[in-house]
Amino acid sequence: METDRLFSAQRQERLLAELRGHGAVRVRDLARVFGVSELTIRRDITALAERGLVSKVHGGATLPSHSNTLSQPRRAAARYTIGMVVPSLDFYWPPIVAGARAAAAALGVTIQLRGSSYDPVEDRRQISRLVEAQQVQGLLLAPSLDCDEADRILEWIGQLPVPTILVERQPRRWTPATRHLEWVRSDHSLGLEIALYHLRQQGHRRIGLVLAQGSPTSVHLRQAWRTACGDPTTSSVLGPQETVATPGDRDAIVRILRECRASKITALLVHSDPHAIAVAQFCAELGVHVPGDLAIVSYDDEVAHLGEPALTAVRPPKSHAGRLAVELMVSRLLDGDRRPVHRVLLAPELVVRGSSLTLSTLH
């Protein structure tokens, strides 16, 4: 019986860790990851809900509204409606949307969600539809800013008749048009630093970087990498930076692995998960042992645990970004210009798995 209670406590602690990282969990997914029955996971969720640590929802659980360590804005006196336009409704964005909806439900506001397509023209169309309907009092936006039109897009957004908060986006520089814009985003530069520190702690001194082509996250990772390469205090030799267009680009990945061997690189940081999993798969085909010959750290932690071996990954706080964006918007709607403009960076966390651990660490 004592052993059963111990195992239950360990599962529940892991369940809470997953919730803190993602904002919501599904019974089916946890049962598969933990290697137990769905009934066992439901019992754990019920036990945690009775202690006020989680909120039960159909098929899973979410963080309760009071669990956010940031101070909560007071409940909205009026029932505000907030428009939210995200560039995609899959992969990176569902946890952000789930976090925003959880905060909205707790604060008594409504989210009107629109999906775009990483296209500035479509961004404008979706935003314009929300504003012209005159049904939203604020906007949460993630426009495409990796184009020549970025400054004009931000100038247009800055002139919209309702307050705006950027989510996982930030202007490249201050301008009069963006002086009132607020934003919440993951600190991807810090995420790269955390990954490099972990790899150095594992004994790696020659490290390479692989980036997904066209990703907004890659922009921050590339900038942080250049800073790290120019840091004279580091004892690492940072290897070449490579960009891969698609996860299954065999020629590109084989070229990268050959470059690693030629440059004596022993560790790679790879964005994103599908690219990292593809690298690990090609390593297996070519007889490159992970992590013995080449350690891999992924960036995003969406599906990194499905790799073989399971991949160590940097996890941006996506659900918390959505929650905080809504809380800041409600605060702005209630207080107006009485409070200063908020621009918030959220720290990612490192989830350590088998792909980056040395044998001495494993034992």
Protein backbone atom coordinates (compact mmCIF):
# COMPACT_ATOMS: atom_id res chain seq x y z
CA MET A 1 0.00 0.00 0.00
CA GLU A 2 2.83 2.40 0.85
CA THR A 3 4.42 1.63 -2.54
CA ASP A 4 1.11 2.31 -4.32
CA ARG A 5 0.84 5.69 -2.61
CA LEU A 6 4.41 6.50 -3.59
CA PHE A 7 3.82 5.66 -7.24
CA SER A 8 0.58 7.66 -7.21
CA ALA A 9 2.37 10.70 -5.75
CA GLN A 10 5.09 10.44 -8.40
CA ARG A 11 2.53 10.24 -11.22
CA GLN A 12 0.60 13.18 -9.85
CA GLU A 13 3.75 15.28 -9.61
CA ARG A 14 4.57 14.43 -13.24
CA LEU A 15 0.99 15.24 -14.21
CA LEU A 16 1.28 18.66 -12.57
CA ALA A 17 4.59 19.25 -14.36
CA GLU A 18 2.91 18.50 -17.70
CA LEU A 19 0.10 20.90 -16.82
CA ARG A 20 2.51 23.66 -15.88
CA GLY A 21 4.25 23.21 -19.20
CA HIS A 22 1.20 22.91 -21.46
CA GLY A 23 -1.74 24.43 -19.54
CA ALA A 24 -3.93 21.43 -20.38
CA VAL A 25 -3.50 17.65 -20.62
CA ARG A 26 -5.51 14.78 -22.07
CA VAL A 27 -6.16 11.52 -20.24
CA ARG A 28 -5.38 9.45 -23.33
CA ASP A 29 -1.98 11.10 -23.88
CA LEU A 30 -0.93 10.83 -20.23
CA ALA A 31 -1.91 7.16 -20.06
CA ARG A 32 0.32 6.43 -23.05
CA VAL A 33 3.27 8.48 -21.77
CA PHE A 34 3.05 7.18 -18.18
CA GLY A 35 2.36 3.57 -19.22
CA VAL A 36 -0.78 3.20 -17.10
CA SER A 37 -4.52 2.86 -17.77
CA GLU A 38 -6.77 5.82 -18.54
CA LEU A 39 -8.75 4.94 -15.40
CA THR A 40 -5.60 5.43 -13.30
CA ILE A 41 -5.00 8.86 -14.83
CA ARG A 42 -8.64 9.86 -14.21
CA ARG A 43 -8.26 8.88 -10.55
CA ASP A 44 -5.10 10.99 -10.30
CA ILE A 45 -6.88 13.97 -11.84
CA THR A 46 -9.80 13.54 -9.45
CA ALA A 47 -7.43 13.44 -6.47
CA LEU A 48 -5.65 16.58 -7.62
CA ALA A 49 -8.94 18.35 -8.35
CA GLU A 50 -10.13 17.62 -4.80
CA ARG A 51 -7.01 19.42 -3.56
CA GLY A 52 -7.74 22.38 -5.84
CA LEU A 53 -4.59 21.82 -7.92
CA VAL A 54 -6.29 21.14 -11.27
CA SER A 55 -9.63 21.68 -12.95
CA LYS A 56 -11.31 18.62 -14.49
CA VAL A 57 -12.54 18.99 -18.07
CA HIS A 58 -13.95 16.46 -20.52
CA GLY A 59 -11.14 14.07 -21.43
CA GLY A 60 -8.45 15.74 -19.33
CA ALA A 61 -7.56 18.59 -17.01
CA THR A 62 -6.46 22.23 -17.04
CA LEU A 63 -4.73 24.51 -14.61
CA PRO A 64 -7.17 26.26 -12.27
CA SER A 65 -7.34 30.01 -12.78
CA HIS A 66 -5.77 30.73 -9.39
CA SER A 67 -2.66 28.64 -10.17
CA ASN A 68 -0.99 31.37 -12.21
CA THR A 69 1.82 32.82 -10.16
CA LEU A 70 1.31 36.21 -11.76
CA SER A 71 -1.16 38.51 -10.08
CA GLN A 72 -4.61 38.12 -11.59
CA PRO A 73 -6.46 41.15 -12.86
CA ARG A 74 -9.82 41.66 -11.24
CA ARG A 75 -12.77 40.06 -12.95
CA ALA A 76 -14.07 42.15 -15.83
CA ALA A 77 -16.96 44.35 -14.78
CA ALA A 78 -18.41 44.16 -18.30
CA ARG A 79 -18.43 41.11 -20.54
CA TYR A 80 -15.65 42.03 -22.95
CA THR A 81 -15.07 40.27 -26.24
CA ILE A 82 -11.47 39.89 -27.40
CA GLY A 83 -10.54 39.03 -30.97
CA MET A 84 -7.63 36.64 -31.50
CA VAL A 85 -5.91 36.04 -34.85
CA VAL A 86 -3.21 33.35 -34.99
CA PRO A 87 -1.25 32.22 -38.06
CA SER A 88 -2.20 28.56 -37.67
CA LEU A 89 -4.57 26.36 -35.70
CA ASP A 90 -2.20 23.41 -35.42
CA PHE A 91 1.18 22.44 -33.95
CA TYR A 92 2.60 25.43 -32.02
CA TRP A 93 -0.63 27.39 -31.55
CA PRO A 94 -3.26 25.15 -29.89
CA PRO A 95 -1.64 25.43 -26.41
CA ILE A 96 -1.53 29.23 -26.78
CA VAL A 97 -5.19 29.31 -27.76
CA ALA A 98 -6.09 26.92 -24.92
CA GLY A 99 -4.27 29.14 -22.43
CA ALA A 100 -6.08 32.22 -23.74
CA ARG A 101 -9.46 30.51 -23.51
CA ALA A 102 -8.77 29.31 -19.96
CA ALA A 103 -7.92 32.83 -18.83
CA ALA A 104 -10.92 34.26 -20.68
CA ALA A 105 -13.29 31.81 -18.99
CA ALA A 106 -11.86 32.69 -15.58
CA LEU A 107 -12.23 36.42 -16.20
CA GLY A 108 -15.68 36.38 -17.77
CA VAL A 109 -14.68 37.46 -21.27
CA THR A 110 -15.23 35.90 -24.70
CA ILE A 111 -12.61 35.00 -27.32
CA GLN A 112 -13.41 35.33 -31.02
CA LEU A 113 -10.75 33.18 -32.71
CA ARG A 114 -9.63 33.51 -36.31
CA GLY A 115 -6.99 31.42 -38.09
CA SER A 116 -4.73 33.00 -40.70
CA SER A 117 -2.02 31.39 -42.83
CA TYR A 118 1.34 33.13 -42.29
CA ASP A 119 0.26 35.55 -45.02
CA PRO A 120 0.24 39.34 -44.36
CA VAL A 121 -2.68 39.84 -46.73
CA GLU A 122 -4.77 37.22 -44.93
CA ASP A 123 -3.69 38.68 -41.57
CA ARG A 124 -5.10 42.06 -42.58
CA ARG A 125 -8.30 40.53 -43.87
CA GLN A 126 -9.01 38.60 -40.67
CA ILE A 127 -8.12 41.54 -38.43
CA SER A 128 -10.23 43.93 -40.50
CA ARG A 129 -13.24 41.61 -40.28
CA LEU A 130 -13.05 41.58 -36.49
CA VAL A 131 -12.67 45.35 -36.20
CA GLU A 132 -15.34 46.23 -38.76
CA ALA A 133 -17.90 44.02 -37.03
CA GLN A 134 -17.49 46.31 -33.98
CA GLN A 135 -17.93 43.35 -31.63
CA VAL A 136 -14.44 43.22 -30.08
CA GLN A 137 -12.96 45.58 -27.53
CA GLY A 138 -9.37 44.32 -27.92
CA LEU A 139 -7.18 42.21 -30.19
CA LEU A 140 -4.56 39.49 -29.60
CA LEU A 141 -2.53 39.20 -32.80
CA ALA A 142 0.35 37.15 -34.20
CA PRO A 143 0.99 38.80 -37.57
CA SER A 144 3.62 37.69 -40.04
CA LEU A 145 6.58 40.02 -39.49
CA ASP A 146 9.30 38.24 -41.48
CA CYS A 147 8.62 40.18 -44.67
CA ASP A 148 9.45 43.56 -46.20
CA GLU A 149 6.01 44.82 -45.21
CA ALA A 150 6.56 44.27 -41.47
CA ASP A 151 6.94 47.96 -40.57
CA ARG A 152 3.84 48.94 -42.52
CA ILE A 153 1.82 46.11 -40.98
CA LEU A 154 2.81 47.23 -37.48
CA GLU A 155 2.04 50.86 -38.30
CA TRP A 156 -1.42 49.80 -39.47
CA ILE A 157 -1.96 47.68 -36.35
CA GLY A 158 -0.82 50.58 -34.17
CA GLN A 159 -3.59 52.75 -35.64
CA LEU A 160 -6.44 50.29 -35.04
CA PRO A 161 -9.29 51.69 -32.92
CA VAL A 162 -8.97 49.00 -30.20
CA PRO A 163 -5.99 48.09 -28.00
CA THR A 164 -3.73 45.35 -29.33
CA ILE A 165 -1.37 42.82 -27.74
CA LEU A 166 1.05 40.86 -29.91
CA VAL A 167 1.42 37.18 -28.99
CA GLU A 168 4.76 35.46 -29.71
CA ARG A 169 5.68 38.46 -31.81
CA GLN A 170 7.73 41.62 -31.25
CA PRO A 171 8.59 44.59 -33.49
CA ARG A 172 12.20 44.69 -34.58
CA ARG A 173 12.56 48.24 -33.28
CA TRP A 174 10.65 51.04 -31.55
CA THR A 175 8.71 53.45 -33.73
CA PRO A 176 6.10 56.10 -32.90
CA ALA A 177 3.48 53.82 -34.45
CA THR A 178 4.32 50.97 -32.06
CA ARG A 179 4.82 52.96 -28.87
CA HIS A 180 1.49 51.77 -27.41
CA LEU A 181 1.74 48.18 -28.65
CA GLU A 182 2.10 45.52 -25.96
CA TRP A 183 3.41 42.00 -26.40
CA VAL A 184 3.90 38.66 -24.70
CA ARG A 185 6.34 36.16 -26.12
CA SER A 186 8.60 33.29 -25.19
CA ASP A 187 12.23 34.26 -24.70
CA HIS A 188 13.68 31.97 -27.36
CA SER A 189 17.14 33.50 -27.01
CA LEU A 190 17.14 32.39 -23.38
CA GLY A 191 15.90 28.97 -24.49
CA LEU A 192 18.94 28.58 -26.70
CA GLU A 193 21.24 29.64 -23.84
CA ILE A 194 19.63 27.04 -21.56
CA ALA A 195 20.14 24.31 -24.17
CA LEU A 196 23.78 25.26 -24.70
CA TYR A 197 24.42 25.27 -20.95
CA HIS A 198 22.92 21.78 -20.65
CA LEU A 199 25.07 20.44 -23.48
CA ARG A 200 28.21 21.97 -21.98
CA GLN A 201 27.35 20.37 -18.65
CA GLN A 202 27.24 17.03 -20.48
CA GLY A 203 30.77 17.61 -21.69
CA HIS A 204 30.13 18.84 -25.24
CA ARG A 205 32.50 21.47 -26.57
CA ARG A 206 31.67 21.42 -30.28
CA ILE A 207 27.99 22.16 -30.87
CA GLY A 208 26.00 22.83 -34.04
CA LEU A 209 22.64 24.45 -34.80
CA VAL A 210 19.94 23.38 -37.28
CA LEU A 211 16.99 25.71 -37.95
CA ALA A 212 13.61 25.32 -39.63
CA GLN A 213 13.38 27.57 -42.66
CA GLY A 214 10.80 30.37 -42.47
CA SER A 215 9.95 29.98 -38.77
CA PRO A 216 9.62 33.17 -36.63
CA THR A 217 11.26 31.25 -33.78
CA SER A 218 14.32 30.61 -35.93
CA VAL A 219 14.93 34.37 -36.17
CA HIS A 220 15.44 34.61 -32.39
CA LEU A 221 17.50 31.42 -32.24
CA ARG A 222 19.77 32.61 -35.04
CA GLN A 223 20.34 35.95 -33.32
CA ALA A 224 21.13 34.28 -29.99
CA TRP A 225 23.47 31.85 -31.74
CA ARG A 226 25.45 34.69 -33.29
CA THR A 227 25.74 36.29 -29.87
CA ALA A 228 26.94 33.01 -28.36
CA CYS A 229 29.46 32.54 -31.16
CA GLY A 230 30.95 35.95 -30.38
CA ASP A 231 31.15 35.37 -26.62
CA PRO A 232 34.85 35.05 -25.68
CA THR A 233 33.98 33.62 -22.25
CA THR A 234 32.49 30.38 -23.58
CA SER A 235 34.61 27.25 -23.68
CA SER A 236 32.57 25.78 -26.54
CA VAL A 237 33.35 25.88 -30.23
CA LEU A 238 30.01 26.51 -31.89
CA GLY A 239 29.84 24.86 -35.26
CA PRO A 240 28.06 25.80 -38.48
CA GLN A 241 24.46 26.94 -38.55
CA GLU A 242 22.31 25.06 -41.06
CA THR A 243 18.76 25.65 -42.30
CA VAL A 244 16.42 22.86 -43.41
CA ALA A 245 13.29 23.52 -45.46
CA THR A 246 11.36 20.33 -44.67
CA PRO A 247 11.80 17.72 -41.91
CA GLY A 248 12.34 14.86 -44.38
CA ASP A 249 14.98 16.61 -46.50
CA ARG A 250 17.35 13.66 -46.65
CA ASP A 251 20.06 15.38 -48.67
CA ALA A 252 20.22 18.34 -46.29
CA ILE A 253 20.30 16.17 -43.16
CA VAL A 254 22.93 13.80 -44.53
CA ARG A 255 25.03 16.84 -45.46
CA ILE A 256 24.63 18.18 -41.91
CA LEU A 257 25.66 14.86 -40.37
CA ARG A 258 28.72 14.67 -42.60
CA GLU A 259 29.64 18.22 -41.60
CA CYS A 260 29.27 17.24 -37.96
CA ARG A 261 31.69 14.38 -38.44
CA ALA A 262 34.17 16.52 -40.36
CA SER A 263 34.01 19.33 -37.78
CA LYS A 264 34.03 16.90 -34.82
CA ILE A 265 30.69 18.27 -33.62
CA THR A 266 29.26 16.08 -30.86
CA ALA A 267 25.92 17.81 -30.21
CA LEU A 268 23.18 19.50 -32.20
CA LEU A 269 20.42 21.90 -31.21
CA VAL A 270 17.61 21.40 -33.74
CA HIS A 271 14.49 23.48 -34.34
CA SER A 272 11.84 22.14 -34.52
CA ASP A 273 10.70 18.71 -33.22
CA PRO A 274 9.93 17.14 -36.64
CA HIS A 275 13.36 18.21 -37.89
CA ALA A 276 15.04 16.85 -34.76
CA ILE A 277 13.21 13.52 -35.04
CA ALA A 278 14.22 13.30 -38.70
CA VAL A 279 17.86 13.94 -37.75
CA ALA A 280 17.69 11.16 -35.13
CA GLN A 281 16.15 8.77 -37.67
CA PHE A 282 18.87 9.41 -40.25
CA CYS A 283 21.48 8.97 -37.51
CA ALA A 284 20.11 5.48 -36.90
CA GLU A 285 20.26 4.70 -40.62
CA LEU A 286 23.86 5.88 -40.89
CA GLY A 287 25.05 4.12 -37.75
CA VAL A 288 25.48 7.32 -35.73
CA HIS A 289 24.56 6.56 -32.12
CA VAL A 290 22.41 9.09 -30.23
CA PRO A 291 23.59 10.34 -27.75
CA GLY A 292 26.93 8.45 -27.78
CA ASP A 293 28.18 9.84 -31.10
CA LEU A 294 25.87 12.84 -31.39
CA ALA A 295 23.65 14.38 -28.71
CA ILE A 296 20.44 16.06 -29.87
CA VAL A 297 18.37 18.76 -28.19
CA SER A 298 15.13 19.74 -29.91
CA TYR A 299 13.36 23.07 -29.69
CA ASP A 300 9.55 23.26 -29.13
CA ASP A 301 8.71 20.01 -27.29
CA GLU A 302 5.51 19.31 -29.17
CA VAL A 303 6.32 15.72 -30.16
CA ALA A 304 9.94 15.40 -28.99
CA HIS A 305 9.02 12.59 -26.58
CA LEU A 306 8.06 10.44 -29.59
CA GLY A 307 11.62 10.38 -30.94
CA GLU A 308 13.88 7.35 -30.72
CA PRO A 309 15.47 7.92 -28.31
CA ALA A 310 13.10 10.37 -26.65
CA LEU A 311 14.49 13.83 -27.33
CA THR A 312 15.60 16.37 -24.77
CA ALA A 313 13.76 19.57 -25.70
CA VAL A 314 13.40 23.25 -24.87
CA ARG A 315 9.74 23.91 -24.08
CA PRO A 316 8.45 27.46 -24.65
CA PRO A 317 5.67 28.38 -22.16
CA LYS A 318 3.01 28.50 -24.85
CA SER A 319 -0.14 28.13 -22.75
CA HIS A 320 1.12 30.72 -20.27
CA ALA A 321 1.72 33.16 -23.14
CA GLY A 322 -1.94 32.84 -24.13
CA ARG A 323 -3.16 33.19 -20.54
CA LEU A 324 -1.04 36.23 -19.81
CA ALA A 325 -2.02 37.94 -23.08
CA VAL A 326 -5.69 37.76 -22.07
CA GLU A 327 -4.96 38.95 -18.53
CA LEU A 328 -2.98 41.91 -19.84
CA MET A 329 -5.76 42.78 -22.27
CA VAL A 330 -8.40 42.75 -19.53
CA SER A 331 -6.12 44.91 -17.40
CA ARG A 332 -5.75 47.37 -20.30
CA LEU A 333 -9.49 47.47 -20.93
CA LEU A 334 -10.23 48.10 -17.26
CA ASP A 335 -7.44 50.57 -16.54
CA GLY A 336 -6.84 52.22 -19.90
CA ASP A 337 -3.73 54.37 -20.04
CA ARG A 338 -3.44 54.53 -16.24
CA ARG A 339 -0.95 51.68 -16.32
CA PRO A 340 2.29 51.58 -18.35
CA VAL A 341 2.70 49.58 -21.52
CA HIS A 342 3.63 45.95 -20.77
CA ARG A 343 6.13 44.00 -22.86
CA VAL A 344 6.74 40.57 -21.37
CA LEU A 345 9.28 37.81 -22.02
CA LEU A 346 8.53 34.35 -20.61
CA ALA A 347 11.33 31.90 -19.84
CA PRO A 348 11.27 28.47 -21.54
CA GLU A 349 12.21 25.32 -19.65
CA LEU A 350 14.40 22.36 -20.57
CA VAL A 351 12.84 18.89 -20.49
CA VAL A 352 15.72 16.43 -20.25
CA ARG A 353 15.35 13.03 -21.92
CA GLY A 354 17.68 10.37 -23.27
CA SER A 355 18.97 12.05 -26.44
CA SER A 356 21.40 14.36 -24.63
CA LEU A 357 22.50 12.43 -21.54
CA THR A 358 25.95 10.93 -21.22
CA LEU A 359 26.32 7.36 -20.00
CA SER A 360 27.65 8.61 -16.66
CA THR A 361 24.54 10.74 -16.21
CA LEU A 362 22.23 7.87 -17.13
CA HIS A 363 23.85 5.66 -14.49
